[in-house]
């Protein structure tokens, strides 16, 4: 596969999207399940990523007015 200068913006965008999905600095605003599914599909990632983040305690789910929302989990950490 050949790489051209035109490819660099796409590589950077894809990397930023991946980091934003798994970063500890994720947005604090809840996201609807449909929006997350669309973002994951665009990135080529399965829903198992969301399940893994929930299992680790990094992502919390909440229901409001019949919609399912996900947001960063705010766990208290021990301070040294």
N, C-alpha and C. Protein backbone atom coordinates (compact mmCIF):
# COMPACT_ATOMS: atom_id res chain seq x y z
N UNK A 1 0.84 -1.18 0.00
CA UNK A 1 0.00 0.00 0.00
C UNK A 1 0.89 1.24 0.00
N UNK A 2 0.59 2.13 -0.89
CA UNK A 2 1.35 3.38 -0.96
C UNK A 2 0.65 4.44 -0.13
N UNK A 3 1.45 5.27 0.51
CA UNK A 3 0.92 6.36 1.32
C UNK A 3 1.31 7.67 0.67
N UNK A 4 0.35 8.56 0.56
CA UNK A 4 0.57 9.86 -0.05
C UNK A 4 0.34 10.95 1.00
N UNK A 5 0.80 12.14 0.72
CA UNK A 5 0.58 13.25 1.64
C UNK A 5 -0.90 13.49 1.88
N UNK A 6 -1.73 13.18 0.90
CA UNK A 6 -3.17 13.35 1.06
C UNK A 6 -3.73 12.42 2.12
N UNK A 7 -3.02 11.35 2.47
CA UNK A 7 -3.50 10.37 3.45
C UNK A 7 -3.32 10.85 4.89
N UNK A 8 -2.37 11.73 5.11
CA UNK A 8 -2.02 12.14 6.48
C UNK A 8 -3.21 12.71 7.25
N UNK A 9 -4.02 13.62 6.68
CA UNK A 9 -5.17 14.12 7.46
C UNK A 9 -6.13 13.01 7.89
N UNK A 10 -6.32 12.00 7.05
CA UNK A 10 -7.20 10.89 7.42
C UNK A 10 -6.60 10.08 8.56
N UNK A 11 -5.29 9.83 8.50
CA UNK A 11 -4.63 9.08 9.56
C UNK A 11 -4.76 9.81 10.89
N UNK A 12 -4.54 11.11 10.87
CA UNK A 12 -4.64 11.91 12.10
C UNK A 12 -6.07 11.90 12.62
N UNK A 13 -7.05 12.09 11.74
CA UNK A 13 -8.46 12.08 12.16
C UNK A 13 -8.84 10.75 12.79
N UNK A 14 -8.44 9.64 12.16
CA UNK A 14 -8.76 8.31 12.68
C UNK A 14 -8.11 8.09 14.04
N UNK A 15 -6.87 8.53 14.19
CA UNK A 15 -6.18 8.37 15.46
C UNK A 15 -6.87 9.19 16.56
N UNK A 16 -7.25 10.42 16.23
CA UNK A 16 -7.93 11.26 17.22
C UNK A 16 -9.28 10.68 17.62
N UNK A 17 -10.03 10.15 16.67
CA UNK A 17 -11.31 9.53 16.99
C UNK A 17 -11.12 8.33 17.91
N UNK A 18 -10.12 7.52 17.64
CA UNK A 18 -9.87 6.35 18.48
C UNK A 18 -9.47 6.76 19.89
N UNK A 19 -8.62 7.77 20.01
CA UNK A 19 -8.19 8.23 21.33
C UNK A 19 -9.35 8.82 22.10
N UNK A 20 -10.19 9.57 21.42
CA UNK A 20 -11.34 10.17 22.09
C UNK A 20 -12.31 9.11 22.62
N UNK A 21 -12.39 7.97 21.93
CA UNK A 21 -13.30 6.92 22.37
C UNK A 21 -12.81 6.22 23.64
N UNK A 22 -11.52 6.13 23.84
CA UNK A 22 -11.01 5.35 24.96
C UNK A 22 -10.25 6.19 25.98
N UNK A 23 -10.08 7.47 25.73
CA UNK A 23 -9.29 8.32 26.60
C UNK A 23 -9.98 8.58 27.93
N UNK A 24 -9.18 8.76 28.97
CA UNK A 24 -9.70 9.14 30.28
C UNK A 24 -10.21 10.57 30.26
N UNK A 25 -9.85 11.33 29.25
CA UNK A 25 -10.29 12.71 29.12
C UNK A 25 -11.53 12.83 28.25
N UNK A 26 -12.36 11.82 28.30
CA UNK A 26 -13.58 11.81 27.48
C UNK A 26 -14.52 12.92 27.91
N UNK A 27 -15.42 13.25 27.06
CA UNK A 27 -16.39 14.30 27.35
C UNK A 27 -17.23 13.94 28.57
N UNK A 28 -17.70 14.95 29.27
CA UNK A 28 -18.50 14.72 30.46
C UNK A 28 -19.99 14.74 30.15
N UNK A 29 -20.36 15.10 28.93
CA UNK A 29 -21.76 15.15 28.55
C UNK A 29 -22.23 13.76 28.15
N UNK A 30 -23.42 13.36 28.60
CA UNK A 30 -23.95 12.05 28.21
C UNK A 30 -24.18 11.98 26.70
N UNK A 31 -24.00 10.78 26.16
CA UNK A 31 -24.26 10.56 24.73
C UNK A 31 -25.33 9.50 24.59
N UNK A 32 -26.26 9.73 23.67
CA UNK A 32 -27.30 8.74 23.42
C UNK A 32 -26.69 7.50 22.78
N UNK A 33 -27.31 6.35 23.05
CA UNK A 33 -26.82 5.09 22.51
C UNK A 33 -26.72 5.14 20.98
N UNK A 34 -27.70 5.75 20.34
CA UNK A 34 -27.70 5.82 18.88
C UNK A 34 -26.49 6.58 18.36
N UNK A 35 -26.11 7.65 19.03
CA UNK A 35 -24.94 8.44 18.61
C UNK A 35 -23.66 7.64 18.78
N UNK A 36 -23.57 6.88 19.86
CA UNK A 36 -22.39 6.05 20.08
C UNK A 36 -22.31 4.94 19.05
N UNK A 37 -23.45 4.32 18.76
CA UNK A 37 -23.46 3.26 17.75
C UNK A 37 -23.01 3.79 16.39
N UNK A 38 -23.46 4.99 16.04
CA UNK A 38 -23.07 5.60 14.77
C UNK A 38 -21.56 5.89 14.74
N UNK A 39 -21.04 6.43 15.84
CA UNK A 39 -19.62 6.74 15.93
C UNK A 39 -18.77 5.46 15.85
N UNK A 40 -19.20 4.41 16.54
CA UNK A 40 -18.47 3.15 16.51
C UNK A 40 -18.48 2.54 15.12
N UNK A 41 -19.63 2.60 14.45
CA UNK A 41 -19.73 2.05 13.10
C UNK A 41 -18.79 2.81 12.15
N UNK A 42 -18.74 4.11 12.29
CA UNK A 42 -17.87 4.93 11.45
C UNK A 42 -16.40 4.59 11.68
N UNK A 43 -16.06 4.25 12.93
CA UNK A 43 -14.68 3.91 13.27
C UNK A 43 -14.38 2.43 13.04
N UNK A 44 -15.41 1.64 12.73
CA UNK A 44 -15.21 0.21 12.50
C UNK A 44 -14.97 -0.57 13.78
N UNK A 45 -15.57 -0.11 14.87
CA UNK A 45 -15.39 -0.74 16.18
C UNK A 45 -16.72 -1.32 16.64
N UNK A 46 -16.68 -2.45 17.31
CA UNK A 46 -17.91 -3.09 17.75
C UNK A 46 -18.37 -2.56 19.11
N UNK A 47 -19.60 -2.88 19.46
CA UNK A 47 -20.21 -2.46 20.72
C UNK A 47 -19.48 -3.07 21.92
N UNK A 48 -18.70 -4.11 21.69
CA UNK A 48 -17.97 -4.74 22.79
C UNK A 48 -17.01 -3.76 23.46
N UNK A 49 -16.56 -2.72 22.75
CA UNK A 49 -15.73 -1.70 23.37
C UNK A 49 -16.49 -0.99 24.48
N UNK A 50 -17.75 -0.64 24.23
CA UNK A 50 -18.58 0.02 25.24
C UNK A 50 -18.77 -0.92 26.43
N UNK A 51 -19.03 -2.19 26.16
CA UNK A 51 -19.22 -3.16 27.23
C UNK A 51 -17.95 -3.31 28.06
N UNK A 52 -16.79 -3.29 27.40
CA UNK A 52 -15.51 -3.41 28.12
C UNK A 52 -15.28 -2.18 29.01
N UNK A 53 -15.61 -0.99 28.50
CA UNK A 53 -15.45 0.22 29.29
C UNK A 53 -16.39 0.22 30.49
N UNK A 54 -17.60 -0.31 30.31
CA UNK A 54 -18.53 -0.42 31.43
C UNK A 54 -18.00 -1.42 32.46
N UNK A 55 -17.47 -2.53 32.01
CA UNK A 55 -16.95 -3.56 32.92
C UNK A 55 -15.77 -3.02 33.74
N UNK A 56 -14.96 -2.16 33.13
CA UNK A 56 -13.82 -1.55 33.84
C UNK A 56 -14.26 -0.43 34.77
N UNK A 57 -15.49 0.02 34.62
CA UNK A 57 -15.99 1.11 35.45
C UNK A 57 -15.69 2.48 34.88
N UNK A 58 -15.25 2.55 33.62
CA UNK A 58 -14.92 3.83 33.01
C UNK A 58 -16.12 4.50 32.35
N UNK A 59 -17.19 3.74 32.14
CA UNK A 59 -18.35 4.25 31.45
C UNK A 59 -19.60 3.84 32.22
N UNK A 60 -20.51 4.78 32.41
CA UNK A 60 -21.76 4.50 33.11
C UNK A 60 -22.93 4.68 32.16
N UNK A 61 -23.97 3.90 32.36
CA UNK A 61 -25.19 3.99 31.56
C UNK A 61 -26.32 4.54 32.41
N UNK A 62 -27.20 5.27 31.76
CA UNK A 62 -28.35 5.83 32.45
C UNK A 62 -29.51 5.94 31.48
N UNK A 63 -30.72 5.80 31.99
CA UNK A 63 -31.92 5.93 31.15
C UNK A 63 -32.65 7.20 31.56
N UNK A 64 -33.16 7.91 30.55
CA UNK A 64 -33.90 9.14 30.80
C UNK A 64 -34.92 9.32 29.69
N UNK A 65 -36.16 9.45 30.06
CA UNK A 65 -37.28 9.64 29.13
C UNK A 65 -37.25 8.64 27.97
N UNK A 66 -37.01 7.38 28.32
CA UNK A 66 -37.06 6.31 27.34
C UNK A 66 -35.82 6.17 26.47
N UNK A 67 -34.79 6.96 26.71
CA UNK A 67 -33.55 6.88 25.94
C UNK A 67 -32.42 6.39 26.84
N UNK A 68 -31.48 5.68 26.23
CA UNK A 68 -30.32 5.17 26.97
C UNK A 68 -29.14 6.10 26.71
N UNK A 69 -28.50 6.55 27.77
CA UNK A 69 -27.37 7.47 27.68
C UNK A 69 -26.14 6.84 28.32
N UNK A 70 -24.97 7.24 27.82
CA UNK A 70 -23.70 6.78 28.38
C UNK A 70 -22.85 8.00 28.68
N UNK A 71 -22.14 7.95 29.79
CA UNK A 71 -21.26 9.04 30.17
C UNK A 71 -20.07 8.50 30.94
N UNK A 72 -19.05 9.32 31.01
CA UNK A 72 -17.84 8.94 31.73
C UNK A 72 -18.18 8.70 33.18
N UNK A 73 -17.65 7.65 33.72
CA UNK A 73 -17.87 7.33 35.12
C UNK A 73 -16.92 8.15 35.97
N UNK A 74 -17.45 8.78 37.00
CA UNK A 74 -16.63 9.60 37.89
C UNK A 74 -16.36 8.82 39.17
N UNK A 75 -15.35 7.98 39.11
CA UNK A 75 -14.97 7.20 40.28
C UNK A 75 -14.03 8.02 41.14
N UNK A 76 -14.17 7.88 42.43
CA UNK A 76 -13.23 8.53 43.33
C UNK A 76 -11.98 7.67 43.39
N UNK A 77 -10.83 8.33 43.32
CA UNK A 77 -9.57 7.61 43.41
C UNK A 77 -8.86 8.01 44.68
N UNK A 78 -8.08 7.09 45.21
CA UNK A 78 -7.31 7.37 46.42
C UNK A 78 -6.20 8.34 46.08
N UNK A 79 -6.05 9.35 46.89
CA UNK A 79 -4.97 10.31 46.67
C UNK A 79 -3.76 9.94 47.52
N UNK A 80 -2.61 10.02 46.90
CA UNK A 80 -1.37 9.66 47.62
C UNK A 80 -0.90 10.78 48.49
